[in-house]
Protein backbone atom coordinates (compact mmCIF):
# COMPACT_ATOMS: atom_id res chain seq x y z
CA MET A 1 4.15 -30.94 -18.74
CA ASN A 2 1.88 -33.52 -19.88
CA GLU A 3 -0.79 -32.43 -22.17
CA ILE A 4 -3.54 -34.62 -20.83
CA ILE A 5 -2.87 -32.81 -17.38
CA LYS A 6 -2.92 -29.33 -19.16
CA SER A 7 -5.72 -29.87 -21.12
CA ILE A 8 -7.66 -30.15 -18.10
CA GLU A 9 -6.01 -27.25 -16.34
CA ASP A 10 -6.98 -25.15 -19.14
CA ALA A 11 -10.74 -26.39 -18.29
CA GLN A 12 -10.85 -25.07 -15.31
CA LEU A 13 -9.46 -21.24 -15.99
CA LYS A 14 -11.95 -18.82 -15.67
CA ALA A 15 -12.89 -17.28 -18.76
CA GLU A 16 -12.08 -13.52 -17.70
CA ALA A 17 -9.12 -13.37 -14.90
CA PRO A 18 -9.12 -10.13 -12.96
CA GLN A 19 -7.12 -7.69 -13.92
CA PHE A 20 -4.67 -6.33 -11.03
CA ARG A 21 -1.20 -5.62 -10.43
CA VAL A 22 0.95 -6.09 -7.11
CA GLY A 23 0.83 -3.57 -4.81
CA ASP A 24 -3.03 -2.33 -6.02
CA THR A 25 -5.98 -1.92 -2.92
CA VAL A 26 -8.36 -4.87 -4.16
CA LYS A 27 -11.50 -5.89 -2.87
CA VAL A 28 -11.76 -10.04 -2.60
CA TYR A 29 -15.62 -11.39 -3.02
CA GLY A 30 -14.81 -14.51 -1.47
CA LYS A 31 -17.83 -17.61 -1.12
CA ILE A 32 -17.90 -19.20 2.32
CA LYS A 33 -20.23 -21.97 3.09
CA GLU A 34 -21.10 -22.42 6.74
CA GLY A 35 -23.25 -25.48 7.16
CA ASN A 36 -25.29 -26.03 3.75
CA ARG A 37 -25.62 -22.18 3.50
CA GLU A 38 -23.45 -19.88 1.33
CA ARG A 39 -22.53 -16.32 1.63
CA ILE A 40 -19.96 -13.66 0.15
CA GLN A 41 -17.22 -12.20 2.33
CA VAL A 42 -15.29 -9.23 1.08
CA PHE A 43 -11.67 -9.48 1.94
CA GLU A 44 -10.22 -5.92 1.14
CA GLY A 45 -6.50 -4.90 1.41
CA ILE A 46 -3.17 -4.30 -0.70
CA VAL A 47 -1.99 -7.03 -3.01
CA LEU A 48 1.62 -8.50 -1.58
CA LYS A 49 2.27 -10.96 -5.00
CA LYS A 50 1.08 -12.79 -7.35
CA GLN A 51 3.19 -16.06 -7.87
CA GLY A 52 2.43 -18.91 -10.71
CA GLY A 53 0.53 -19.51 -13.71
CA GLY A 54 -2.14 -20.73 -15.73
CA ALA A 55 -4.86 -22.90 -13.47
CA ARG A 56 -1.99 -22.62 -10.20
CA GLU A 57 -2.00 -18.99 -10.30
CA THR A 58 -2.21 -17.31 -6.86
CA PHE A 59 -2.61 -13.72 -5.51
CA THR A 60 -1.75 -13.04 -1.61
CA VAL A 61 -4.06 -9.77 -0.25
CA ARG A 62 -2.91 -8.19 3.32
CA LYS A 63 -5.34 -6.28 5.58
CA ASN A 64 -4.99 -4.58 9.10
CA SER A 65 -7.66 -6.19 11.38
CA ASN A 66 -7.94 -4.09 14.82
CA GLY A 67 -4.00 -3.72 14.57
CA VAL A 68 -3.56 -7.41 13.93
CA GLY A 69 -2.09 -7.55 9.93
CA VAL A 70 -3.95 -10.22 8.36
CA GLU A 71 -2.91 -12.31 4.46
CA LYS A 72 -5.11 -14.39 2.97
CA THR A 73 -3.64 -16.20 0.01
CA TRP A 74 -6.39 -16.65 -3.14
CA PRO A 75 -6.23 -18.91 -6.49
CA LEU A 76 -7.26 -16.63 -8.53
CA HIS A 77 -9.12 -18.93 -10.74
CA SER A 78 -10.71 -20.53 -7.71
CA PRO A 79 -14.58 -20.76 -8.30
CA ASN A 80 -14.56 -19.51 -4.59
CA VAL A 81 -13.54 -16.10 -5.71
CA GLU A 82 -16.86 -14.26 -7.04
CA LYS A 83 -14.60 -11.40 -8.37
CA VAL A 84 -11.80 -8.92 -7.38
CA GLU A 85 -12.43 -5.40 -7.80
CA VAL A 86 -9.60 -3.19 -7.84
CA VAL A 87 -10.52 0.08 -5.32
CA ARG A 88 -6.82 1.99 -6.25
CA ARG A 89 -3.52 1.69 -8.45
CA GLY A 90 -0.56 1.44 -6.35
CA LYS A 91 2.92 2.41 -7.56
CA VAL A 92 5.45 0.03 -6.27
CA ARG A 93 9.04 -0.77 -8.03
CA ARG A 94 9.07 -4.57 -6.70
CA ALA A 95 7.33 -7.62 -7.27
CA LYS A 96 6.89 -9.02 -3.53
CA LEU A 97 5.83 -6.26 -0.70
CA THR A 98 7.14 -8.48 1.58
CA TYR A 99 8.86 -5.34 3.47
CA LEU A 100 5.42 -4.45 4.81
CA ARG A 101 5.00 -6.80 6.90
CA GLY A 102 7.27 -5.08 9.65
CA ARG A 103 5.70 -1.37 9.13
CA VAL A 104 2.52 -0.24 10.71
CA GLY A 105 0.43 2.85 10.19
CA LYS A 106 1.26 5.37 7.35
CA ARG A 107 5.07 3.66 6.83
CA ALA A 108 2.89 0.96 5.48
CA LYS A 109 0.57 2.50 2.16
CA VAL A 110 1.07 2.52 -1.01
CA LYS A 111 1.78 5.13 -2.87
CA GLU A 112 -0.77 5.62 -5.95
CA LEU A 113 -0.47 5.39 -9.28
CA VAL A 114 -1.96 8.63 -10.66
CA LYS A 115 -2.47 8.67 -14.62
């Protein structure tokens, strides 16, 4: 990669990136702009996947809202992501949990990691 692009991307990185893994249940505090006002909205769900690296790193969170599955992909180092809070750790053996899309109810749960 070009050194100029790399230096610009390194300046965009957050000082402390949140530590979480695939399978964790997280609360994502996202900034939402409505007109000239700004507020924070919480999106809580299971992390399906993490991909990319550096400033381009993204993660996808899935939740069930009124019986409908909702997925949202967030850039990890975006200024619109206020913070990511881990609610519970999940025990999974895969990097991508796309199989959860076809499951409903208890079958869509991820085992909790007990240490």
